[in-house]
Amino acid sequence: MAAEYDKRNEEYKKMLADAFIAKISGRGFGYVEDVYAEILDLAEKHAE
């Protein structure tokens, strides 16, 4: 059970990192705050 959770957690972190990089490179650094807020929102939903 724990191993499966760790694996899903790693995949989730990678997905977030990829989305973060794509948004920053696509829009420039002015949007970092917006992206960070979205990531926090996603993380909260994922934690539920």
PDB file of N, CA and C in Angstrom:
ATOM      1  N   MET A   1       0.829  -1.197   0.000  1.00  0.00           N
ATOM      2  CA  MET A   1       0.000   0.000   0.000  1.00  0.00           C
ATOM      3  C   MET A   1       0.872   1.260   0.000  1.00  0.00           C
ATOM      4  N   ALA A   2       1.832   1.316   0.896  1.00  0.00           N
ATOM      5  CA  ALA A   2       2.694   2.502   0.986  1.00  0.00           C
ATOM      6  C   ALA A   2       3.514   2.686  -0.288  1.00  0.00           C
ATOM      7  N   ALA A   3       3.988   1.583  -0.857  1.00  0.00           N
ATOM      8  CA  ALA A   3       4.786   1.671  -2.082  1.00  0.00           C
ATOM      9  C   ALA A   3       3.948   2.231  -3.229  1.00  0.00           C
ATOM     10  N   GLU A   4       2.708   1.790  -3.309  1.00  0.00           N
ATOM     11  CA  GLU A   4       1.823   2.290  -4.369  1.00  0.00           C
ATOM     12  C   GLU A   4       1.555   3.777  -4.168  1.00  0.00           C
ATOM     13  N   TYR A   5       1.352   4.177  -2.920  1.00  0.00           N
ATOM     14  CA  TYR A   5       1.124   5.596  -2.619  1.00  0.00           C
ATOM     15  C   TYR A   5       2.345   6.425  -3.012  1.00  0.00           C
ATOM     16  N   ASP A   6       3.537   5.952  -2.662  1.00  0.00           N
ATOM     17  CA  ASP A   6       4.768   6.665  -3.006  1.00  0.00           C
ATOM     18  C   ASP A   6       4.905   6.814  -4.514  1.00  0.00           C
ATOM     19  N   LYS A   7       4.577   5.751  -5.245  1.00  0.00           N
ATOM     20  CA  LYS A   7       4.690   5.785  -6.700  1.00  0.00           C
ATOM     21  C   LYS A   7       3.732   6.822  -7.277  1.00  0.00           C
ATOM     22  N   ARG A   8       2.490   6.812  -6.802  1.00  0.00           N
ATOM     23  CA  ARG A   8       1.511   7.795  -7.282  1.00  0.00           C
ATOM     24  C   ARG A   8       1.940   9.206  -6.923  1.00  0.00           C
ATOM     25  N   ASN A   9       2.487   9.376  -5.735  1.00  0.00           N
ATOM     26  CA  ASN A   9       2.948  10.684  -5.285  1.00  0.00           C
ATOM     27  C   ASN A   9       4.070  11.204  -6.184  1.00  0.00           C
ATOM     28  N   GLU A  10       5.013  10.336  -6.539  1.00  0.00           N
ATOM     29  CA  GLU A  10       6.111  10.729  -7.424  1.00  0.00           C
ATOM     30  C   GLU A  10       5.576  11.132  -8.796  1.00  0.00           C
ATOM     31  N   GLU A  11       4.633  10.360  -9.334  1.00  0.00           N
ATOM     32  CA  GLU A  11       4.045  10.688 -10.634  1.00  0.00           C
ATOM     33  C   GLU A  11       3.336  12.034 -10.568  1.00  0.00           C
ATOM     34  N   TYR A  12       2.634  12.276  -9.470  1.00  0.00           N
ATOM     35  CA  TYR A  12       1.906  13.527  -9.287  1.00  0.00           C
ATOM     36  C   TYR A  12       2.871  14.710  -9.223  1.00  0.00           C
ATOM     37  N   LYS A  13       3.965  14.545  -8.477  1.00  0.00           N
ATOM     38  CA  LYS A  13       4.965  15.613  -8.380  1.00  0.00           C
ATOM     39  C   LYS A  13       5.579  15.913  -9.740  1.00  0.00           C
ATOM     40  N   LYS A  14       5.874  14.867 -10.512  1.00  0.00           N
ATOM     41  CA  LYS A  14       6.460  15.060 -11.836  1.00  0.00           C
ATOM     42  C   LYS A  14       5.476  15.790 -12.743  1.00  0.00           C
ATOM     43  N   MET A  15       4.206  15.400 -12.679  1.00  0.00           N
ATOM     44  CA  MET A  15       3.176  16.040 -13.489  1.00  0.00           C
ATOM     45  C   MET A  15       3.078  17.529 -13.137  1.00  0.00           C
ATOM     46  N   LEU A  16       3.091  17.846 -11.852  1.00  0.00           N
ATOM     47  CA  LEU A  16       3.039  19.245 -11.416  1.00  0.00           C
ATOM     48  C   LEU A  16       4.254  20.015 -11.917  1.00  0.00           C
ATOM     49  N   ALA A  17       5.430  19.414 -11.788  1.00  0.00           N
ATOM     50  CA  ALA A  17       6.655  20.081 -12.223  1.00  0.00           C
ATOM     51  C   ALA A  17       6.618  20.349 -13.722  1.00  0.00           C
ATOM     52  N   ASP A  18       6.169  19.371 -14.509  1.00  0.00           N
ATOM     53  CA  ASP A  18       6.068  19.544 -15.959  1.00  0.00           C
ATOM     54  C   ASP A  18       5.092  20.660 -16.309  1.00  0.00           C
ATOM     55  N   ALA A  19       3.952  20.691 -15.631  1.00  0.00           N
ATOM     56  CA  ALA A  19       2.952  21.728 -15.893  1.00  0.00           C
ATOM     57  C   ALA A  19       3.506  23.102 -15.519  1.00  0.00           C
ATOM     58  N   PHE A  20       4.217  23.163 -14.409  1.00  0.00           N
ATOM     59  CA  PHE A  20       4.815  24.411 -13.937  1.00  0.00           C
ATOM     60  C   PHE A  20       5.810  24.951 -14.966  1.00  0.00           C
ATOM     61  N   ILE A  21       6.697  24.081 -15.445  1.00  0.00           N
ATOM     62  CA  ILE A  21       7.706  24.476 -16.431  1.00  0.00           C
ATOM     63  C   ILE A  21       7.043  24.925 -17.729  1.00  0.00           C
ATOM     64  N   ALA A  22       6.038  24.194 -18.178  1.00  0.00           N
ATOM     65  CA  ALA A  22       5.344  24.541 -19.418  1.00  0.00           C
ATOM     66  C   ALA A  22       4.681  25.907 -19.308  1.00  0.00           C
ATOM     67  N   LYS A  23       4.054  26.173 -18.174  1.00  0.00           N
ATOM     68  CA  LYS A  23       3.382  27.464 -17.999  1.00  0.00           C
ATOM     69  C   LYS A  23       4.385  28.604 -17.945  1.00  0.00           C
ATOM     70  N   ILE A  24       5.477  28.422 -17.222  1.00  0.00           N
ATOM     71  CA  ILE A  24       6.474  29.490 -17.108  1.00  0.00           C
ATOM     72  C   ILE A  24       7.094  29.774 -18.476  1.00  0.00           C
ATOM     73  N   SER A  25       7.495  28.741 -19.202  1.00  0.00           N
ATOM     74  CA  SER A  25       8.150  28.959 -20.483  1.00  0.00           C
ATOM     75  C   SER A  25       7.156  29.490 -21.512  1.00  0.00           C
ATOM     76  N   GLY A  26       5.883  29.133 -21.354  1.00  0.00           N
ATOM     77  CA  GLY A  26       4.870  29.591 -22.300  1.00  0.00           C
ATOM     78  C   GLY A  26       4.437  31.030 -22.082  1.00  0.00           C
ATOM     79  N   ARG A  27       4.486  31.504 -20.867  1.00  0.00           N
ATOM     80  CA  ARG A  27       3.926  32.820 -20.554  1.00  0.00           C
ATOM     81  C   ARG A  27       4.935  33.823 -20.016  1.00  0.00           C
ATOM     82  N   GLY A  28       6.090  33.369 -19.593  1.00  0.00           N
ATOM     83  CA  GLY A  28       7.043  34.289 -18.990  1.00  0.00           C
ATOM     84  C   GLY A  28       6.885  34.324 -17.477  1.00  0.00           C
ATOM     85  N   PHE A  29       7.818  34.976 -16.816  1.00  0.00           N
ATOM     86  CA  PHE A  29       7.888  34.907 -15.358  1.00  0.00           C
ATOM     87  C   PHE A  29       6.865  35.782 -14.644  1.00  0.00           C
ATOM     88  N   GLY A  30       6.130  36.611 -15.353  1.00  0.00           N
ATOM     89  CA  GLY A  30       5.107  37.434 -14.725  1.00  0.00           C
ATOM     90  C   GLY A  30       3.970  36.616 -14.154  1.00  0.00           C
ATOM     91  N   TYR A  31       3.859  35.365 -14.607  1.00  0.00           N
ATOM     92  CA  TYR A  31       2.733  34.531 -14.199  1.00  0.00           C
ATOM     93  C   TYR A  31       3.086  33.519 -13.121  1.00  0.00           C
ATOM     94  N   VAL A  32       4.284  33.609 -12.591  1.00  0.00           N
ATOM     95  CA  VAL A  32       4.724  32.616 -11.604  1.00  0.00           C
ATOM     96  C   VAL A  32       3.775  32.552 -10.413  1.00  0.00           C
ATOM     97  N   GLU A  33       3.322  33.706  -9.931  1.00  0.00           N
ATOM     98  CA  GLU A  33       2.419  33.709  -8.777  1.00  0.00           C
ATOM     99  C   GLU A  33       1.125  32.971  -9.091  1.00  0.00           C
ATOM    100  N   ASP A  34       0.567  33.213 -10.284  1.00  0.00           N
ATOM    101  CA  ASP A  34      -0.673  32.541 -10.683  1.00  0.00           C
ATOM    102  C   ASP A  34      -0.473  31.033 -10.745  1.00  0.00           C
ATOM    103  N   VAL A  35       0.643  30.627 -11.333  1.00  0.00           N
ATOM    104  CA  VAL A  35       0.935  29.200 -11.463  1.00  0.00           C
ATOM    105  C   VAL A  35       1.096  28.569 -10.083  1.00  0.00           C
ATOM    106  N   TYR A  36       1.803  29.274  -9.202  1.00  0.00           N
ATOM    107  CA  TYR A  36       2.019  28.755  -7.853  1.00  0.00           C
ATOM    108  C   TYR A  36       0.689  28.597  -7.124  1.00  0.00           C
ATOM    109  N   ALA A  37      -0.197  29.560  -7.288  1.00  0.00           N
ATOM    110  CA  ALA A  37      -1.521  29.482  -6.663  1.00  0.00           C
ATOM    111  C   ALA A  37      -2.296  28.285  -7.203  1.00  0.00           C
ATOM    112  N   GLU A  38      -2.195  28.042  -8.515  1.00  0.00           N
ATOM    113  CA  GLU A  38      -2.875  26.886  -9.111  1.00  0.00           C
ATOM    114  C   GLU A  38      -2.317  25.586  -8.548  1.00  0.00           C
ATOM    115  N   ILE A  39      -1.002  25.527  -8.389  1.00  0.00           N
ATOM    116  CA  ILE A  39      -0.374  24.311  -7.863  1.00  0.00           C
ATOM    117  C   ILE A  39      -0.825  24.057  -6.426  1.00  0.00           C
ATOM    118  N   LEU A  40      -0.883  25.106  -5.622  1.00  0.00           N
ATOM    119  CA  LEU A  40      -1.359  24.937  -4.245  1.00  0.00           C
ATOM    120  C   LEU A  40      -2.800  24.439  -4.240  1.00  0.00           C
ATOM    121  N   ASP A  41      -3.614  24.978  -5.135  1.00  0.00           N
ATOM    122  CA  ASP A  41      -5.014  24.563  -5.239  1.00  0.00           C
ATOM    123  C   ASP A  41      -5.101  23.089  -5.633  1.00  0.00           C
ATOM    124  N   LEU A  42      -4.300  22.693  -6.629  1.00  0.00           N
ATOM    125  CA  LEU A  42      -4.273  21.292  -7.062  1.00  0.00           C
ATOM    126  C   LEU A  42      -3.805  20.385  -5.928  1.00  0.00           C
ATOM    127  N   ALA A  43      -2.798  20.833  -5.203  1.00  0.00           N
ATOM    128  CA  ALA A  43      -2.262  20.026  -4.105  1.00  0.00           C
ATOM    129  C   ALA A  43      -3.319  19.818  -3.024  1.00  0.00           C
ATOM    130  N   GLU A  44      -4.101  20.860  -2.747  1.00  0.00           N
ATOM    131  CA  GLU A  44      -5.164  20.729  -1.745  1.00  0.00           C
ATOM    132  C   GLU A  44      -6.215  19.724  -2.202  1.00  0.00           C
ATOM    133  N   LYS A  45      -6.585  19.794  -3.481  1.00  0.00           N
ATOM    134  CA  LYS A  45      -7.579  18.855  -4.013  1.00  0.00           C
ATOM    135  C   LYS A  45      -7.038  17.426  -3.964  1.00  0.00           C
ATOM    136  N   HIS A  46      -5.757  17.282  -4.289  1.00  0.00           N
ATOM    137  CA  HIS A  46      -5.126  15.958  -4.301  1.00  0.00           C
ATOM    138  C   HIS A  46      -5.069  15.374  -2.892  1.00  0.00           C
ATOM    139  N   ALA A  47      -4.894  16.233  -1.907  1.00  0.00           N
ATOM    140  CA  ALA A  47      -4.767  15.775  -0.520  1.00  0.00           C
ATOM    141  C   ALA A  47      -6.094  15.262   0.048  1.00  0.00           C
ATOM    142  N   GLU A  48      -7.197  15.713  -0.518  1.00  0.00           N
ATOM    143  CA  GLU A  48      -8.514  15.319   0.012  1.00  0.00           C
ATOM    144  C   GLU A  48      -8.842  13.866  -0.256  1.00  0.00           C
TER     145      GLU A  48
END
